[in-house]
Amino acid sequence: MQKNHDEINPPPRILMGPGPVDADPRVLRAMSMPLLGQFDPQFTEYMNEIMTLYRHVFQTRNHWTFLVDGTARAGIEAILTSVISTGDTVLVPVLGRFGQLLCEIARRCRAEVIPLETEWGSVFDPQRIEHAINQHRPKLLALVQGDTSTTMAQPLAEIGPICRAHDVLLYVDATASITGMDLRTDDWQIDAVSAGLQKCLSGPPGIAPITFNERVEQLVLRRKHVEEGIRSASAPDADGEIIQSNYFDLPMLMDYWSDKRLNHHTEATSMLYAAHECARIVVAEGWEARFARHVLASDALCAGLTAMGLSLFGDQVHKMPNVTGVYIPDGVPGEEVRAAMLHNFGIEIGTSFGPLHGRIWRIGTMGYGCSRRNVLSCLAALEATLRQHGHKAAWGEGVDAATAIYAAAD
């Protein structure tokens, strides 16, 4: 006999891990709007608005600024699969787990991948990157702006000009950093950027904003191949190697997002609505206020954690303003603490990967969730839970220290 299933009714949570984080209620409302056909004039107007809004998000004038259906990794794969041809040399400075992911995807694109390693918790000096470029002569430099696995943010302002001087393409994965910290695509001479909604943009995972400039456009068009069934006689194949993925084929996506509206896939309508609202909210808040809000939350959280006798992880000069790493105290069962916070307070914080697994917690203060209420609630819950697991701190000092930071900014 078939079991009857209850409707989905998730318990309330405060998501303060490294992502996903709580979606802004305005975004959820936008997702409930009626579906439209993907070639309905009103829908294609929304597509045009998306391109304009995300030029603001990426701080770029790039015409090719649009969405790839799929989580943030879909944007990464669309760019790397379309740019990398068999045998290309790709240099990847690895800050942490997500730099390793770029290596993994580039290898699947049949690139010759050169990983450049640094200790987790640190970043790269631009001169070291330039030395590696001189040594290996890559076609592409791929790196992560903010790697949540280590909570470090790689400075980018000097790297773009270095790449341009050596005729190297620069791709940046900004999934965890976009709108939580500054990213100046044009000013920093970045050729391509991809992101996701589920972190500082405060949307659900499921669609990936990307942008790329004319240098990338010219490269990928040399590999253009329009699939049978939608191609016309006036659209012969280009001479370059065919892009291995149909779904992540940038030239075909460009035709879909252009005035041609050449059919490629069925658009994820509700996710497009979400992306539209995410970007609209960013524009309405403004860069100065948004960046200041993330820095203030980071300062308050770090002050509270330190007052509780905890040690922060990594190079604090280059810490991301939207994710904080903190060492798990000796003798404290890290996973039990996380489970207890979720069970007793409904608050989720994260663990980490690889050499940091079981050594640090990661606490996210991103987008809609980057608020005084969340920071103070998290500190109070963590302090109470730590006391239950043998770590003694003066009662209330964490919340008091964070409150003082907020009071000074009021």
Protein backbone atom coordinates (compact mmCIF):
# COMPACT_ATOMS: atom_id res chain seq x y z
CA MET A 1 0.00 0.00 0.00
CA GLN A 2 1.43 3.37 -1.01
CA LYS A 3 2.32 5.70 1.84
CA ASN A 4 0.77 9.15 1.91
CA HIS A 5 3.40 11.86 2.16
CA ASP A 6 2.97 15.10 4.04
CA GLU A 7 3.45 18.42 2.31
CA ILE A 8 6.93 19.89 2.52
CA ASN A 9 7.12 22.05 5.64
CA PRO A 10 10.76 22.62 6.65
CA PRO A 11 11.54 23.65 10.22
CA PRO A 12 12.58 27.29 10.66
CA ARG A 13 16.34 27.77 10.52
CA ILE A 14 18.84 30.60 10.64
CA LEU A 15 21.45 29.60 8.04
CA MET A 16 24.81 30.96 9.16
CA GLY A 17 27.11 28.52 7.44
CA PRO A 18 29.23 29.31 4.38
CA GLY A 19 26.16 28.95 2.12
CA PRO A 20 23.48 28.55 1.19
CA VAL A 21 22.09 31.27 3.44
CA ASP A 22 18.57 32.48 4.10
CA ALA A 23 16.85 33.80 1.01
CA ASP A 24 15.43 37.29 1.18
CA PRO A 25 11.61 37.02 1.53
CA ARG A 26 11.26 39.39 -1.42
CA VAL A 27 13.11 36.86 -3.56
CA LEU A 28 10.82 34.05 -2.43
CA ARG A 29 7.81 36.19 -3.26
CA ALA A 30 9.19 36.85 -6.74
CA MET A 31 9.55 33.10 -7.28
CA SER A 32 5.83 32.64 -6.64
CA MET A 33 4.88 34.83 -9.59
CA PRO A 34 3.03 33.17 -12.54
CA LEU A 35 5.06 31.34 -15.17
CA LEU A 36 5.43 32.80 -18.64
CA GLY A 37 6.50 31.19 -21.88
CA GLN A 38 10.18 31.78 -22.49
CA PHE A 39 9.52 33.73 -25.69
CA ASP A 40 6.63 35.76 -24.30
CA PRO A 41 7.51 39.44 -24.93
CA GLN A 42 7.14 40.22 -21.23
CA PHE A 43 9.53 37.39 -20.36
CA THR A 44 12.16 38.43 -22.89
CA GLU A 45 11.92 41.93 -21.45
CA TYR A 46 12.75 40.44 -18.05
CA MET A 47 15.75 38.77 -19.68
CA ASN A 48 16.92 42.15 -20.98
CA GLU A 49 16.46 43.66 -17.53
CA ILE A 50 18.52 40.82 -16.05
CA MET A 51 21.42 41.68 -18.36
CA THR A 52 21.28 45.32 -17.29
CA LEU A 53 20.95 44.54 -13.57
CA TYR A 54 23.87 42.11 -13.54
CA ARG A 55 26.13 44.56 -15.32
CA HIS A 56 25.67 46.59 -12.15
CA VAL A 57 26.29 43.55 -9.93
CA PHE A 58 29.52 42.70 -11.77
CA GLN A 59 30.51 46.37 -12.16
CA THR A 60 30.99 45.95 -15.89
CA ARG A 61 29.92 47.25 -19.27
CA ASN A 62 30.18 43.77 -20.81
CA HIS A 63 27.33 43.12 -23.20
CA TRP A 64 27.48 39.39 -22.50
CA THR A 65 26.16 39.35 -18.97
CA PHE A 66 23.44 36.77 -18.39
CA LEU A 67 22.35 33.65 -16.49
CA VAL A 68 23.25 29.97 -16.86
CA ASP A 69 20.62 27.57 -15.54
CA GLY A 70 22.11 25.46 -12.74
CA THR A 71 23.89 26.12 -9.46
CA ALA A 72 27.04 28.26 -9.30
CA ARG A 73 29.09 25.40 -10.69
CA ALA A 74 27.09 25.65 -13.93
CA GLY A 75 28.55 29.12 -14.47
CA ILE A 76 32.06 27.84 -13.79
CA GLU A 77 31.63 24.97 -16.24
CA ALA A 78 30.07 27.16 -18.95
CA ILE A 79 33.07 29.48 -18.95
CA LEU A 80 35.81 26.88 -18.57
CA THR A 81 34.27 24.38 -21.00
CA SER A 82 33.82 27.04 -23.65
CA VAL A 83 37.19 28.75 -23.21
CA ILE A 84 39.49 25.74 -22.74
CA SER A 85 40.46 23.64 -25.73
CA THR A 86 42.34 20.35 -25.53
CA GLY A 87 45.93 20.89 -24.45
CA ASP A 88 45.57 24.49 -23.27
CA THR A 89 47.68 25.43 -20.26
CA VAL A 90 45.64 26.69 -17.32
CA LEU A 91 47.25 28.16 -14.20
CA VAL A 92 45.19 27.88 -11.01
CA PRO A 93 46.33 29.58 -7.78
CA VAL A 94 44.73 27.35 -5.13
CA LEU A 95 43.58 29.10 -1.94
CA GLY A 96 41.51 26.14 -0.76
CA ARG A 97 38.94 23.56 -1.78
CA PHE A 98 37.33 25.68 -4.50
CA GLY A 99 40.62 26.36 -6.21
CA GLN A 100 40.98 22.59 -6.30
CA LEU A 101 37.55 22.46 -7.94
CA LEU A 102 38.75 24.77 -10.72
CA CYS A 103 41.66 22.39 -11.29
CA GLU A 104 39.24 19.45 -11.45
CA ILE A 105 36.96 21.09 -14.01
CA ALA A 106 39.87 22.34 -16.13
CA ARG A 107 41.33 18.82 -16.24
CA ARG A 108 37.97 17.48 -17.42
CA CYS A 109 38.22 20.06 -20.22
CA ARG A 110 41.49 18.29 -21.17
CA ALA A 111 43.67 21.22 -20.15
CA GLU A 112 47.22 20.97 -18.92
CA VAL A 113 46.56 22.25 -15.40
CA ILE A 114 49.29 23.92 -13.33
CA PRO A 115 48.17 24.27 -9.69
CA LEU A 116 49.93 26.97 -7.69
CA GLU A 117 49.74 26.12 -4.00
CA THR A 118 49.72 28.20 -0.83
CA GLU A 119 49.07 27.32 2.79
CA TRP A 120 45.35 27.25 3.55
CA GLY A 121 44.58 30.44 5.41
CA SER A 122 46.83 32.63 3.26
CA VAL A 123 46.63 34.33 -0.15
CA PHE A 124 48.97 34.86 -3.10
CA ASP A 125 51.35 37.74 -3.65
CA PRO A 126 50.68 39.03 -7.18
CA GLN A 127 54.38 38.84 -7.97
CA ARG A 128 54.36 35.10 -7.32
CA ILE A 129 51.50 34.74 -9.78
CA GLU A 130 53.38 36.80 -12.38
CA HIS A 131 56.46 34.62 -11.90
CA ALA A 132 54.35 31.51 -12.53
CA ILE A 133 52.85 33.11 -15.64
CA ASN A 134 56.34 33.80 -16.98
CA GLN A 135 57.36 30.23 -16.22
CA HIS A 136 54.35 28.36 -17.64
CA ARG A 137 52.88 30.75 -20.26
CA PRO A 138 49.24 29.76 -19.64
CA LYS A 139 46.32 30.61 -21.87
CA LEU A 140 44.11 31.12 -18.83
CA LEU A 141 44.54 32.04 -15.18
CA ALA A 142 41.59 30.78 -13.11
CA LEU A 143 41.17 31.64 -9.45
CA VAL A 144 38.61 32.11 -6.70
CA GLN A 145 38.12 35.58 -5.23
CA GLY A 146 36.77 34.37 -1.90
CA ASP A 147 37.27 30.72 -0.98
CA THR A 148 34.79 29.84 1.76
CA SER A 149 36.74 26.68 2.67
CA THR A 150 39.48 28.88 4.15
CA THR A 151 37.51 32.16 4.52
CA MET A 152 40.29 33.98 2.64
CA ALA A 153 39.82 36.67 -0.03
CA GLN A 154 42.41 36.97 -2.79
CA PRO A 155 43.16 40.61 -3.75
CA LEU A 156 42.55 41.00 -7.48
CA ALA A 157 43.35 44.59 -8.43
CA GLU A 158 46.96 43.83 -9.49
CA ILE A 159 46.32 40.43 -11.06
CA GLY A 160 44.21 41.58 -14.01
CA PRO A 161 46.83 44.03 -15.32
CA ILE A 162 49.51 41.34 -14.93
CA CYS A 163 47.45 38.90 -16.99
CA ARG A 164 46.68 41.52 -19.64
CA ALA A 165 50.36 42.44 -19.94
CA HIS A 166 51.17 38.77 -20.68
CA ASP A 167 48.10 38.20 -22.92
CA VAL A 168 46.63 35.71 -20.46
CA LEU A 169 42.88 35.45 -19.94
CA LEU A 170 41.73 35.95 -16.34
CA TYR A 171 38.67 34.10 -15.03
CA VAL A 172 37.38 34.64 -11.48
CA ASP A 173 34.90 32.52 -9.52
CA ALA A 174 33.07 35.07 -7.36
CA THR A 175 30.36 32.75 -6.07
CA ALA A 176 31.02 33.42 -2.38
CA SER A 177 32.10 37.05 -2.65
CA ILE A 178 29.81 38.77 -5.16
CA THR A 179 28.10 41.81 -3.54
CA GLY A 180 29.54 40.95 -0.13
CA MET A 181 32.85 42.51 -1.09
CA ASP A 182 34.08 44.66 -3.95
CA LEU A 183 34.50 43.10 -7.40
CA ARG A 184 35.36 45.56 -10.19
CA THR A 185 35.29 43.47 -13.32
CA ASP A 186 36.25 46.21 -15.76
CA ASP A 187 38.54 48.30 -13.55
CA TRP A 188 40.49 45.19 -12.53
CA GLN A 189 40.67 43.89 -16.11
CA ILE A 190 38.96 40.57 -15.41
CA ASP A 191 37.93 38.78 -18.60
CA ALA A 192 35.21 36.49 -17.21
CA VAL A 193 33.41 36.09 -13.89
CA SER A 194 30.82 33.63 -12.64
CA ALA A 195 28.73 33.65 -9.49
CA GLY A 196 25.69 32.10 -7.80
CA LEU A 197 22.63 33.37 -5.96
CA GLN A 198 22.90 31.35 -2.77
CA LYS A 199 25.37 33.43 -0.81
CA CYS A 200 25.53 37.24 -0.58
CA LEU A 201 22.89 37.67 -3.30
CA SER A 202 20.43 36.00 -0.87
CA GLY A 203 18.64 33.75 -3.32
CA PRO A 204 18.22 30.01 -3.69
CA PRO A 205 20.85 27.91 -5.46
CA GLY A 206 19.83 27.07 -9.00
CA ILE A 207 20.99 29.73 -11.45
CA ALA A 208 24.43 31.22 -12.15
CA PRO A 209 25.07 34.82 -13.27
CA ILE A 210 28.10 35.21 -15.55
CA THR A 211 29.81 37.99 -17.48
CA PHE A 212 32.60 38.01 -20.05
CA ASN A 213 34.22 40.55 -22.31
CA GLU A 214 35.04 40.77 -26.02
CA ARG A 215 38.33 38.88 -25.60
CA VAL A 216 36.39 35.84 -24.41
CA GLU A 217 33.62 36.41 -26.95
CA GLN A 218 36.08 36.31 -29.86
CA LEU A 219 37.71 33.16 -28.50
CA VAL A 220 34.53 31.15 -27.98
CA LEU A 221 32.98 32.21 -31.30
CA ARG A 222 35.89 30.47 -33.03
CA ARG A 223 34.39 27.26 -31.59
CA LYS A 224 30.77 27.99 -32.47
CA HIS A 225 28.61 25.05 -33.54
CA VAL A 226 24.83 25.35 -33.71
CA GLU A 227 22.99 22.09 -33.12
CA GLU A 228 20.91 20.39 -35.78
CA GLY A 229 17.23 21.25 -35.66
CA ILE A 230 17.68 24.92 -34.88
CA ARG A 231 20.55 25.90 -37.17
CA SER A 232 20.05 27.69 -40.46
CA ALA A 233 21.94 27.23 -43.70
CA SER A 234 23.61 30.57 -43.08
CA ALA A 235 25.18 29.37 -39.84
CA PRO A 236 28.16 27.18 -40.76
CA ASP A 237 30.37 25.71 -38.06
CA ALA A 238 33.43 27.66 -36.99
CA ASP A 239 36.87 26.12 -37.49
CA GLY A 240 37.75 25.65 -33.81
CA GLU A 241 37.33 22.56 -31.68
CA ILE A 242 33.69 21.91 -30.84
CA ILE A 243 32.75 22.80 -27.27
CA GLN A 244 32.33 19.51 -25.41
CA SER A 245 29.10 20.44 -23.63
CA ASN A 246 25.89 21.30 -25.41
CA TYR A 247 24.22 22.69 -22.30
CA PHE A 248 27.18 24.87 -21.29
CA ASP A 249 28.02 26.07 -24.81
CA LEU A 250 28.53 29.84 -24.52
CA PRO A 251 28.03 30.68 -28.22
CA MET A 252 24.64 28.95 -28.21
CA LEU A 253 23.74 30.64 -24.91
CA MET A 254 24.74 33.95 -26.48
CA ASP A 255 22.29 33.32 -29.34
CA TYR A 256 19.60 32.47 -26.79
CA TRP A 257 20.18 35.69 -24.80
CA SER A 258 20.55 37.86 -27.92
CA ASP A 259 17.78 39.35 -30.01
CA LYS A 260 17.87 36.13 -32.05
CA ARG A 261 16.28 34.26 -29.11
CA LEU A 262 17.50 31.07 -30.73
CA ASN A 263 15.99 28.18 -28.77
CA HIS A 264 18.54 26.34 -26.64
CA HIS A 265 16.87 25.13 -23.45
CA THR A 266 13.68 25.71 -21.48
CA GLU A 267 14.40 28.65 -19.21
CA ALA A 268 14.18 28.15 -15.43
CA THR A 269 11.48 30.79 -15.14
CA SER A 270 11.11 31.01 -11.36
CA MET A 271 14.88 31.06 -10.89
CA LEU A 272 15.15 33.91 -13.38
CA TYR A 273 12.56 35.82 -11.35
CA ALA A 274 14.67 35.15 -8.24
CA ALA A 275 17.83 36.39 -9.92
CA HIS A 276 16.05 39.53 -11.08
CA GLU A 277 14.90 40.32 -7.55
CA CYS A 278 18.30 39.52 -6.02
CA ALA A 279 19.98 42.04 -8.29
CA ARG A 280 17.22 44.63 -7.88
CA ILE A 281 17.72 44.53 -4.11
CA VAL A 282 21.49 45.03 -4.51
CA VAL A 283 20.96 48.06 -6.75
CA ALA A 284 18.47 49.55 -4.30
CA GLU A 285 20.79 49.18 -1.31
CA GLY A 286 23.86 50.64 -3.01
CA TRP A 287 27.49 49.55 -2.86
CA GLU A 288 28.67 51.70 0.05
CA ALA A 289 25.89 50.61 2.40
CA ARG A 290 26.09 46.98 1.35
CA PHE A 291 29.83 46.59 1.78
CA ALA A 292 29.75 48.50 5.09
CA ARG A 293 27.01 46.20 6.42
CA HIS A 294 29.12 43.11 5.69
CA VAL A 295 32.26 44.59 7.23
CA LEU A 296 30.36 45.67 10.36
CA ALA A 297 28.87 42.20 10.85
CA SER A 298 32.31 40.63 10.40
CA ASP A 299 33.87 43.00 12.94
CA ALA A 300 31.10 42.35 15.46
CA LEU A 301 31.24 38.58 15.02
CA CYS A 302 35.02 38.48 15.32
CA ALA A 303 34.95 40.65 18.44
CA GLY A 304 32.36 38.37 20.00
CA LEU A 305 34.23 35.17 19.17
CA THR A 306 37.49 36.57 20.53
CA ALA A 307 35.79 37.72 23.74
CA MET A 308 34.57 34.14 24.22
CA GLY A 309 38.18 32.97 24.25
CA LEU A 310 38.12 31.55 20.72
CA SER A 311 40.86 31.97 18.10
CA LEU A 312 40.16 33.17 14.58
CA PHE A 313 41.55 31.20 11.65
CA GLY A 314 43.84 32.49 8.92
CA ASP A 315 45.40 35.75 7.78
CA GLN A 316 42.98 38.33 9.21
CA VAL A 317 44.22 41.02 6.84
CA HIS A 318 42.78 38.99 3.96
CA LYS A 319 39.75 37.49 5.70
CA MET A 320 36.48 37.55 3.74
CA PRO A 321 34.01 40.04 5.26
CA ASN A 322 31.14 37.57 4.87
CA VAL A 323 32.61 34.30 6.22
CA THR A 324 34.60 33.84 9.43
CA GLY A 325 36.74 30.86 10.34
CA VAL A 326 37.21 30.04 14.03
CA TYR A 327 39.25 27.25 15.59
CA ILE A 328 37.34 24.56 17.46
CA PRO A 329 38.70 24.61 21.03
CA ASP A 330 40.78 21.63 22.15
CA GLY A 331 38.67 18.91 23.65
CA VAL A 332 35.41 20.28 22.25
CA PRO A 333 33.50 17.93 19.88
CA GLY A 334 32.97 20.22 16.92
CA GLU A 335 30.24 18.24 15.20
CA GLU A 336 28.30 17.79 18.44
CA VAL A 337 28.35 21.53 18.97
CA ARG A 338 27.05 22.16 15.45
CA ALA A 339 24.31 19.58 15.93
CA ALA A 340 23.28 21.04 19.28
CA MET A 341 23.10 24.57 17.88
CA LEU A 342 20.84 23.32 15.10
CA HIS A 343 18.66 21.26 17.43
CA ASN A 344 18.34 23.73 20.31
CA PHE A 345 18.48 27.08 18.53
CA GLY A 346 17.75 26.33 14.88
CA ILE A 347 21.07 27.92 13.88
CA GLU A 348 23.35 26.27 11.32
CA ILE A 349 27.08 26.95 11.16
CA GLY A 350 29.54 25.11 8.94
CA THR A 351 32.52 22.84 9.22
CA SER A 352 35.28 22.81 6.58
CA PHE A 353 37.11 20.51 4.18
CA GLY A 354 40.40 18.70 3.74
CA PRO A 355 43.12 19.74 6.20
CA LEU A 356 40.66 22.03 8.02
CA HIS A 357 37.92 19.47 8.54
CA GLY A 358 37.27 19.12 12.26
CA ARG A 359 39.66 22.00 13.04
CA ILE A 360 37.53 25.06 12.34
CA TRP A 361 33.92 26.18 12.16
CA ARG A 362 32.86 28.58 9.43
CA ILE A 363 30.22 31.20 10.21
CA GLY A 364 28.59 33.07 7.36
CA THR A 365 27.17 36.60 7.54
CA MET A 366 25.91 37.05 4.00
CA GLY A 367 23.37 39.22 2.24
CA TYR A 368 19.95 39.11 3.89
CA GLY A 369 21.42 37.08 6.76
CA CYS A 370 24.09 39.68 7.44
CA SER A 371 22.23 41.31 10.31
CA ARG A 372 22.73 42.35 13.92
CA ARG A 373 20.00 39.95 15.04
CA ASN A 374 21.71 36.98 13.44
CA VAL A 375 25.18 37.83 14.70
CA LEU A 376 24.03 38.30 18.31
CA SER A 377 21.78 35.22 18.20
CA CYS A 378 24.60 33.08 16.84
CA LEU A 379 27.07 34.26 19.46
CA ALA A 380 24.61 33.65 22.31
CA ALA A 381 23.76 30.17 21.00
CA LEU A 382 27.41 29.25 20.44
CA GLU A 383 28.41 30.45 23.89
CA ALA A 384 25.64 28.47 25.59
CA THR A 385 26.43 25.36 23.56
CA LEU A 386 30.17 25.59 24.25
CA ARG A 387 29.52 25.85 27.98
CA GLN A 388 27.50 22.65 27.75
CA HIS A 389 30.49 20.96 26.12
CA GLY A 390 33.17 22.00 28.58
CA HIS A 391 34.45 25.31 27.18
CA LYS A 392 34.03 27.97 29.84
CA ALA A 393 33.88 31.64 28.92
CA ALA A 394 32.67 34.56 30.99
CA TRP A 395 28.91 34.56 30.52
CA GLY A 396 27.66 37.14 28.01
CA GLU A 397 31.04 38.58 27.02
CA GLY A 398 30.71 37.49 23.39
CA VAL A 399 27.37 39.21 22.93
CA ASP A 400 28.56 42.26 24.88
CA ALA A 401 31.66 42.66 22.68
CA ALA A 402 29.63 42.37 19.48
CA THR A 403 26.97 44.75 20.80
CA ALA A 404 29.69 47.31 21.52
CA ILE A 405 30.85 47.17 17.90
CA TYR A 406 27.32 47.76 16.67
CA ALA A 407 26.73 50.55 19.20
CA ALA A 408 29.87 52.35 18.05
CA ALA A 409 28.57 52.28 14.47
CA ASP A 410 25.07 53.55 15.30
